Protein backbone atom coordinates (compact mmCIF):
# COMPACT_ATOMS: atom_id res chain seq x y z
CA MET A 1 52.19 101.34 122.61
CA ARG A 2 53.31 100.46 126.29
CA GLU A 3 53.08 96.76 128.03
CA ARG A 4 51.87 98.40 131.29
CA ARG A 5 52.10 95.15 132.76
CA PRO A 6 52.00 91.26 131.48
CA GLY A 7 49.42 90.98 128.23
CA VAL A 8 48.26 94.34 129.36
CA TRP A 9 48.79 97.49 126.95
CA GLU A 10 48.30 100.95 126.95
CA LEU A 11 47.36 102.22 123.36
CA ARG A 12 47.70 105.76 122.39
CA ALA A 13 46.77 107.57 118.85
CA PHE A 14 48.03 110.97 118.31
CA LEU A 15 45.38 112.86 117.18
CA GLY A 16 47.99 116.32 116.06
CA ARG A 17 47.37 119.88 117.92
CA GLY A 18 44.51 122.12 118.99
CA ALA A 19 44.71 125.78 118.01
CA ASP A 20 46.71 126.56 121.49
CA GLY A 21 49.45 124.03 120.37
CA ARG A 22 48.71 121.39 122.58
CA PRO A 23 49.21 117.85 121.87
CA ARG A 24 45.76 115.81 121.42
CA GLN A 25 45.03 112.17 121.83
CA VAL A 26 42.99 108.79 122.59
CA SER A 27 43.90 106.04 124.52
CA LYS A 28 42.34 102.96 125.72
CA THR A 29 43.65 99.39 127.27
CA PHE A 30 43.92 96.26 125.39
CA HIS A 31 44.33 92.96 127.10
CA GLY A 32 46.19 90.37 124.71
CA GLY A 33 49.60 89.64 123.01
CA LYS A 34 52.04 91.80 121.14
CA ARG A 35 50.55 91.00 117.95
CA GLU A 36 47.16 91.68 118.21
CA ALA A 37 47.69 94.91 120.21
CA ARG A 38 49.40 96.32 117.36
CA LYS A 39 46.75 95.12 114.97
CA ALA A 40 44.61 96.99 118.23
CA LEU A 41 46.99 100.12 117.75
CA ALA A 42 46.10 100.66 114.38
CA ALA A 43 42.91 99.97 114.42
CA LEU A 44 42.76 102.65 116.76
CA GLU A 45 45.23 104.90 114.67
CA VAL A 46 42.14 104.70 111.58
CA GLU A 47 39.75 105.33 113.63
CA ALA A 48 41.36 108.89 114.99
CA ASN A 49 42.06 109.53 111.43
CA ALA A 50 37.96 108.76 110.33
CA GLY A 51 36.92 111.31 113.21
CA LYS A 52 35.51 108.94 115.38
CA HIS A 53 37.21 109.94 118.37
CA GLY A 54 37.39 114.31 116.84
CA ARG A 55 39.77 114.87 114.11
CA PRO A 56 42.35 117.05 114.83
CA ASP A 57 41.35 121.27 113.27
CA THR A 58 43.09 120.22 109.93
CA ALA A 59 43.52 123.95 109.21
CA ALA A 60 45.16 124.76 112.41
CA THR A 61 47.92 122.03 112.38
CA THR A 62 51.55 123.26 112.63
CA VAL A 63 54.64 121.93 110.53
CA ALA A 64 55.99 120.72 113.96
CA ALA A 65 52.46 118.89 114.88
CA LEU A 66 52.27 117.22 111.48
CA LEU A 67 56.33 116.10 111.82
CA ASP A 68 55.77 114.37 115.09
CA ARG A 69 52.80 112.52 113.90
CA HIS A 70 53.90 111.72 111.02
CA LEU A 71 57.36 110.14 112.63
CA ASP A 72 54.96 108.60 114.82
CA ASN A 73 53.25 106.99 112.09
CA LEU A 74 56.38 105.38 110.77
CA GLU A 75 57.12 104.13 114.08
CA ARG A 76 54.03 102.29 114.04
CA LEU A 77 54.87 101.25 110.10
CA GLY A 78 58.06 99.37 111.66
CA ARG A 79 60.70 101.55 110.46
CA ALA A 80 63.81 100.92 112.05
CA PRO A 81 64.97 103.22 115.15
CA THR A 82 67.88 104.15 113.54
CA THR A 83 65.76 105.64 111.10
CA THR A 84 63.44 107.40 113.13
CA ARG A 85 66.25 108.53 115.89
CA THR A 86 68.10 110.26 112.80
CA TYR A 87 64.69 111.86 111.48
CA ARG A 88 63.98 113.03 114.80
CA GLY A 89 67.37 114.73 115.23
CA TYR A 90 66.49 116.91 111.80
CA VAL A 91 63.44 117.69 113.06
CA LYS A 92 64.13 119.18 116.65
CA GLN A 93 68.00 120.88 115.49
CA LEU A 94 66.84 122.18 112.11
CA ILE A 95 63.09 121.87 110.48
CA VAL A 96 60.91 123.29 114.38
CA PRO A 97 63.33 126.29 115.24
CA ALA A 98 63.07 127.41 111.23
CA LEU A 99 59.63 125.94 110.37
CA GLY A 100 57.67 124.60 113.35
CA SER A 101 54.96 127.00 114.23
CA LYS A 102 53.65 127.55 110.88
CA ARG A 103 50.74 125.70 109.89
CA VAL A 104 50.58 123.62 107.39
CA ARG A 105 48.34 125.08 105.11
CA ASN A 106 50.01 127.96 104.79
CA LEU A 107 53.35 126.30 103.61
CA THR A 108 54.51 127.05 100.15
CA ALA A 109 57.24 125.95 98.37
CA TYR A 110 58.95 129.60 98.62
CA ASP A 111 59.06 129.12 102.13
CA LEU A 112 60.90 125.99 101.86
CA ASP A 113 63.70 126.80 99.29
CA LEU A 114 64.40 129.97 101.11
CA PHE A 115 65.28 127.10 104.16
CA TYR A 116 67.17 125.58 102.19
CA SER A 117 68.98 128.60 101.49
CA ARG A 118 69.34 129.57 105.13
CA LEU A 119 70.96 126.39 106.27
CA ALA A 120 73.51 126.23 103.19
CA ALA A 121 74.40 129.99 104.34
CA GLY A 122 74.63 128.27 107.89
CA GLY A 123 76.95 125.66 106.56
CA ARG A 124 75.03 122.60 106.11
CA SER A 125 75.88 120.33 103.58
CA SER A 126 74.14 119.63 100.33
CA ALA A 127 73.48 115.95 101.67
CA THR A 128 72.14 117.23 105.31
CA ILE A 129 69.84 119.69 103.33
CA ARG A 130 68.40 116.59 101.03
CA GLN A 131 68.19 114.65 103.84
CA VAL A 132 66.27 117.47 105.76
CA HIS A 133 64.25 118.28 102.40
CA ALA A 134 63.31 114.24 102.55
CA ILE A 135 61.53 114.09 105.54
CA ILE A 136 59.69 117.21 105.10
CA SER A 137 58.38 115.96 101.92
CA GLY A 138 57.58 112.47 103.17
CA ALA A 139 55.64 114.50 106.08
CA LEU A 140 53.75 116.21 103.50
CA LYS A 141 52.75 113.06 101.49
CA GLN A 142 51.36 111.70 104.56
CA ALA A 143 49.15 114.75 105.35
CA VAL A 144 47.90 114.95 101.63
CA LYS A 145 46.63 111.13 102.57
CA TRP A 146 45.15 112.15 105.89
CA ASP A 147 43.35 115.11 104.03
CA MET A 148 45.64 117.53 105.88
CA VAL A 149 46.60 119.53 102.84
CA PRO A 150 45.54 119.22 99.13
CA SER A 151 48.71 118.61 98.04
CA ASN A 152 52.43 118.23 98.89
CA VAL A 153 54.20 121.65 98.33
CA ALA A 154 57.73 119.64 98.59
CA ARG A 155 57.31 118.49 95.26
CA ALA A 156 57.47 121.99 93.67
CA ALA A 157 60.62 123.04 95.99
CA SER A 158 64.74 122.88 94.68
CA PRO A 159 66.42 121.37 97.21
CA PRO A 160 70.35 121.58 95.77
CA THR A 161 71.71 117.89 94.47
CA VAL A 162 74.73 115.85 95.80
CA PRO A 163 77.27 114.72 93.70
CA ARG A 164 77.69 110.66 93.81
CA ALA A 165 80.53 110.58 96.44
CA GLU A 166 83.76 108.11 95.20
CA VAL A 167 83.37 104.51 96.16
CA ARG A 168 86.60 103.07 97.50
CA VAL A 169 86.23 99.78 96.24
CA PRO A 170 89.04 97.14 96.93
CA THR A 171 91.50 95.41 94.65
CA ALA A 172 91.44 91.40 94.81
CA ALA A 173 95.46 91.72 95.95
CA GLU A 174 93.68 94.16 98.71
CA VAL A 175 90.72 92.01 99.76
CA LYS A 176 92.97 89.07 100.04
CA LEU A 177 95.45 90.90 101.54
CA ILE A 178 92.33 91.66 104.52
CA LEU A 179 90.80 87.78 104.43
CA LEU A 180 94.81 86.18 105.02
CA GLU A 181 94.97 89.15 108.13
CA ALA A 182 91.46 88.09 109.29
CA GLU A 183 92.39 84.16 109.11
CA ARG A 184 95.70 84.85 111.39
CA ARG A 185 93.54 86.91 113.66
CA ASP A 186 90.46 84.51 114.38
CA PRO A 187 89.31 81.76 112.12
CA MET A 188 85.85 82.33 112.00
CA LEU A 189 86.55 85.94 111.06
CA GLY A 190 88.43 85.08 107.89
CA ARG A 191 85.58 83.36 107.09
CA LEU A 192 83.45 85.30 108.06
CA LEU A 193 84.42 88.32 105.71
CA MET A 194 85.35 85.48 103.05
CA LEU A 195 81.59 85.07 102.69
CA GLY A 196 80.89 88.43 102.52
CA ALA A 197 83.17 88.83 99.75
CA LEU A 198 81.76 85.75 97.81
CA THR A 199 77.96 86.75 98.54
CA GLY A 200 77.90 90.55 98.94
CA ALA A 201 75.83 90.15 102.22
CA ARG A 202 75.11 92.92 104.32
CA ARG A 203 77.00 92.95 107.83
CA GLY A 204 73.22 93.04 109.37
CA GLU A 205 72.32 89.88 106.55
CA LEU A 206 76.08 87.97 107.47
CA CYS A 207 75.25 88.28 111.10
CA ALA A 208 71.73 87.34 111.19
CA LEU A 209 72.37 83.63 108.73
CA ARG A 210 71.71 80.62 110.73
CA TRP A 211 72.45 77.13 109.60
CA SER A 212 69.39 76.42 108.50
CA ASP A 213 69.65 79.29 106.01
CA VAL A 214 72.81 76.90 104.45
CA ASP A 215 71.80 74.32 101.99
CA LEU A 216 75.16 72.83 101.19
CA ASP A 217 74.49 69.59 99.37
CA ALA A 218 72.61 71.81 96.86
CA GLY A 219 74.92 74.87 97.45
CA THR A 220 73.02 78.01 98.44
CA LEU A 221 72.75 79.83 101.08
CA ARG A 222 69.42 82.05 102.14
CA ILE A 223 69.31 85.50 103.00
CA ALA A 224 65.57 86.52 105.27
CA HIS A 225 66.85 88.30 108.08
CA SER A 226 69.27 91.13 109.10
CA VAL A 227 70.68 92.24 112.42
CA MET A 228 69.74 96.11 113.50
CA GLN A 229 72.11 97.53 116.52
CA VAL A 230 71.39 100.56 117.87
CA GLY A 231 74.55 101.03 121.12
CA ARG A 232 73.97 97.77 122.79
CA ARG A 233 70.42 97.04 121.48
CA VAL A 234 70.51 93.79 119.02
CA GLU A 235 67.30 93.30 116.87
CA VAL A 236 66.89 90.88 114.19
CA LYS A 237 64.79 91.90 111.17
CA ASP A 238 63.96 91.69 107.90
CA THR A 239 65.94 92.72 105.23
CA LYS A 240 66.23 95.53 103.96
CA SER A 241 64.37 95.09 100.97
CA HIS A 242 62.06 92.68 103.05
CA GLN A 243 62.43 90.04 100.43
CA VAL A 244 63.99 86.72 100.99
CA ARG A 245 66.23 85.74 98.64
CA VAL A 246 68.14 82.75 97.62
CA ILE A 247 71.92 83.08 96.30
CA ALA A 248 74.19 80.27 94.62
CA LEU A 249 77.45 79.15 96.25
CA ASP A 250 80.60 78.09 94.43
CA ASN A 251 82.84 74.96 95.12
CA ALA A 252 84.57 77.88 97.50
CA GLY A 253 81.83 79.01 99.29
CA VAL A 254 80.65 75.35 100.08
CA ALA A 255 84.22 74.25 101.24
CA LEU A 256 84.50 76.85 103.55
CA LEU A 257 81.42 76.30 105.18
CA ARG A 258 81.84 72.42 105.49
CA LEU A 259 85.00 73.45 107.10
CA HIS A 260 83.62 76.31 109.19
CA ARG A 261 80.36 73.54 110.06
CA GLU A 262 83.11 70.80 110.99
CA ASP A 263 85.11 73.28 113.87
CA VAL A 264 82.04 74.58 114.83
CA ASP A 265 80.63 71.16 115.57
CA ALA A 266 84.58 69.92 117.22
CA ARG A 267 84.55 73.06 119.43
CA ALA A 268 80.78 72.17 121.04
CA ALA A 269 81.98 68.23 121.31
CA ALA A 270 85.11 69.34 122.88
CA THR A 271 83.22 71.23 125.97
CA GLY A 272 80.21 68.92 126.15
CA ALA A 273 78.02 71.61 124.36
CA ALA A 274 75.52 70.62 121.65
CA LEU A 275 74.57 72.68 118.92
CA ALA A 276 71.18 74.39 118.82
CA ALA A 277 68.51 73.38 116.97
CA ASP A 278 68.76 76.85 115.14
CA ALA A 279 72.30 78.35 115.94
CA PHE A 280 73.72 81.52 114.48
CA LEU A 281 76.26 80.38 111.96
CA PHE A 282 78.59 82.76 113.31
CA SER A 283 79.01 83.39 117.41
CA ASP A 284 82.11 84.58 118.86
CA ARG A 285 80.18 84.18 122.84
CA SER A 286 78.58 81.04 122.22
CA LEU A 287 79.39 77.55 121.73
CA ASP A 288 76.08 76.47 121.04
CA GLY A 289 75.59 79.27 118.40
CA THR A 290 72.72 81.17 120.55
CA VAL A 291 74.91 84.47 120.57
CA MET A 292 75.26 85.79 117.29
CA VAL A 293 78.44 87.87 116.34
CA GLU A 294 77.40 91.99 116.29
CA PRO A 295 77.19 94.41 113.57
CA ASP A 296 79.30 96.50 115.70
CA TRP A 297 81.47 94.12 116.76
CA LEU A 298 82.15 92.73 112.88
CA THR A 299 82.68 96.44 111.95
CA ARG A 300 85.61 97.06 114.70
CA ARG A 301 87.67 94.09 113.88
CA PHE A 302 87.27 95.15 109.86
CA THR A 303 89.03 98.17 110.66
CA SER A 304 91.33 97.25 112.99
CA ILE A 305 92.33 94.95 110.01
CA VAL A 306 92.72 97.41 107.33
CA GLU A 307 93.98 99.95 109.41
CA ALA A 308 97.02 97.54 110.59
CA LEU A 309 97.55 97.12 106.81
CA GLY A 310 97.23 100.43 105.61
CA LEU A 311 94.48 99.92 103.68
CA ASP A 312 93.42 104.15 103.84
CA GLY A 313 89.23 104.64 102.64
CA LEU A 314 88.06 100.65 102.80
CA THR A 315 84.70 99.62 104.63
CA LEU A 316 83.19 96.89 105.68
CA HIS A 317 80.62 97.59 103.10
CA GLY A 318 83.62 98.29 100.62
CA LEU A 319 83.73 93.71 100.39
CA ARG A 320 80.13 94.18 99.09
CA HIS A 321 80.93 96.52 96.15
CA PHE A 322 84.01 94.81 95.49
CA MET A 323 81.50 91.46 94.72
CA ALA A 324 79.48 93.76 92.69
CA THR A 325 82.13 95.74 91.16
CA GLN A 326 83.88 92.31 90.09
CA LEU A 327 81.13 90.65 88.29
CA ALA A 328 79.45 93.99 86.48
CA ALA A 329 83.29 93.83 84.91
CA ARG A 330 82.91 90.28 83.88
CA GLY A 331 80.29 91.88 80.83
CA ASP A 332 78.46 88.09 81.02
CA VAL A 333 76.60 88.29 84.52
CA SER A 334 73.13 90.97 83.68
CA ALA A 335 72.34 93.16 86.14
CA ARG A 336 69.10 91.43 87.34
CA THR A 337 70.99 88.49 88.61
CA LEU A 338 73.70 90.70 90.03
CA ALA A 339 70.52 92.54 91.86
CA GLY A 340 69.25 89.49 92.95
CA ARG A 341 72.36 88.88 94.64
CA LEU A 342 72.66 92.10 96.34
CA GLY A 343 69.14 92.58 97.25
CA HIS A 344 68.10 95.47 95.00
CA ALA A 345 66.09 95.80 92.16
CA ALA A 346 67.42 95.97 89.00
CA SER A 347 67.26 99.64 88.21
CA VAL A 348 69.09 100.15 91.44
CA THR A 349 72.08 98.11 90.54
CA LEU A 350 72.02 99.45 87.51
CA LYS A 351 72.55 103.14 88.77
CA VAL A 352 75.12 102.09 90.94
CA TYR A 353 77.40 100.46 88.99
CA ALA A 354 76.70 101.22 85.35
CA ALA A 355 80.21 101.78 85.39
CA TYR A 356 81.32 98.74 85.80
CA PHE A 357 79.54 97.34 82.82
CA PRO A 358 82.11 98.09 80.14
CA ALA A 359 82.73 94.70 79.06
CA ALA A 360 78.93 94.26 78.37
CA ASP A 361 79.05 97.85 76.70
CA VAL A 362 81.82 96.17 74.01
CA GLU A 363 79.43 93.06 73.01
CA ALA A 364 76.45 95.30 72.85
CA ALA A 365 78.34 97.38 70.19
CA ARG A 366 80.36 94.55 68.64
CA HIS A 367 76.78 92.96 68.45
CA MET A 368 75.02 95.98 67.23
CA GLY A 369 77.59 96.27 64.22
CA GLU A 370 77.33 93.02 63.09
CA LEU A 371 74.11 93.14 62.66
CA LEU A 372 73.72 96.05 60.34
CA THR A 373 76.86 95.40 58.65
CA GLY A 374 76.59 91.94 58.05
CA THR A 375 80.21 91.69 59.25
CA THR A 376 82.57 90.75 62.05
CA ALA A 377 82.33 94.32 63.49
CA THR A 378 85.78 95.08 66.13
CA ALA A 379 83.78 97.77 69.08
CA ARG A 380 86.54 100.37 69.98
CA THR A 381 87.82 100.44 73.57
């Protein structure tokens, strides 16, 4: 979808590749807004898939052609540019050279296992091979929906397993050191990181917060958006889960944001500026709050602090893990409650933080002992 001039769009839908390997497509001109143009493009692709513009020869479609079409479709559906750019890198560098010319209908699980073995022999990590497998499997899953193949042969393949990496979770003492140093360097940065430690919000979610998302009287914070950054390009989008969540703030969180608002208002008043109607909560380059703090800026500042403090291995995402592990270890915070704060499915929270629920497990053992013996049982730790 390309805007040739204001309100005039060129729409193109990929039809696959012909027997000669050349791409085939259909295009049309559309007049209207961007949202309507996206809908028109989706309709054009549906028509193309239905054969109104001539279906591609699916029997002759190559793996390279399928991957190209699949990634175009992911972009149309709104997949993050950082993700599709990474996928295209794997496709170009690893998948196409080995499997690109093979016809999709002739691809087998053995072909994939042999490909994965060769990648491993060439020094590629298990994590990389798993990522390659996920891309191929996703494309084949879509090919099944497009009636290009009867089944997804990647489901029968055997990519290597990847051991879960140990996450460096900061201690409470380390987090306090980081927050003190951040406050010393820049009060706004200190408050931003403090809010991250209190809520477990992702860095993009913190940067996307606006004052309209805060209800200090109710003590709640609404997390509805996230900031995506690719190089110098910055874009506000939905959260990672595409869901809005409202989380509670304790007295410390409310006091923190009241102080921050007083400071923001004072800075604006001192220069004659007026805070914008929907200003960002954290803004480092504008007094009216119209310029957000960028995710990469936040990461650089955090990295500078931990390096200065000699806290090796800590990342900004560690503040999120800190909040999650501290609450999980309490034993009186359910996985569902923790998942709600994190913006996870409860099953994901349990999978990632299961090892941090020891107190809850001990309590469960005590309860079962009392239930079945009728006496107070002491769980072994």
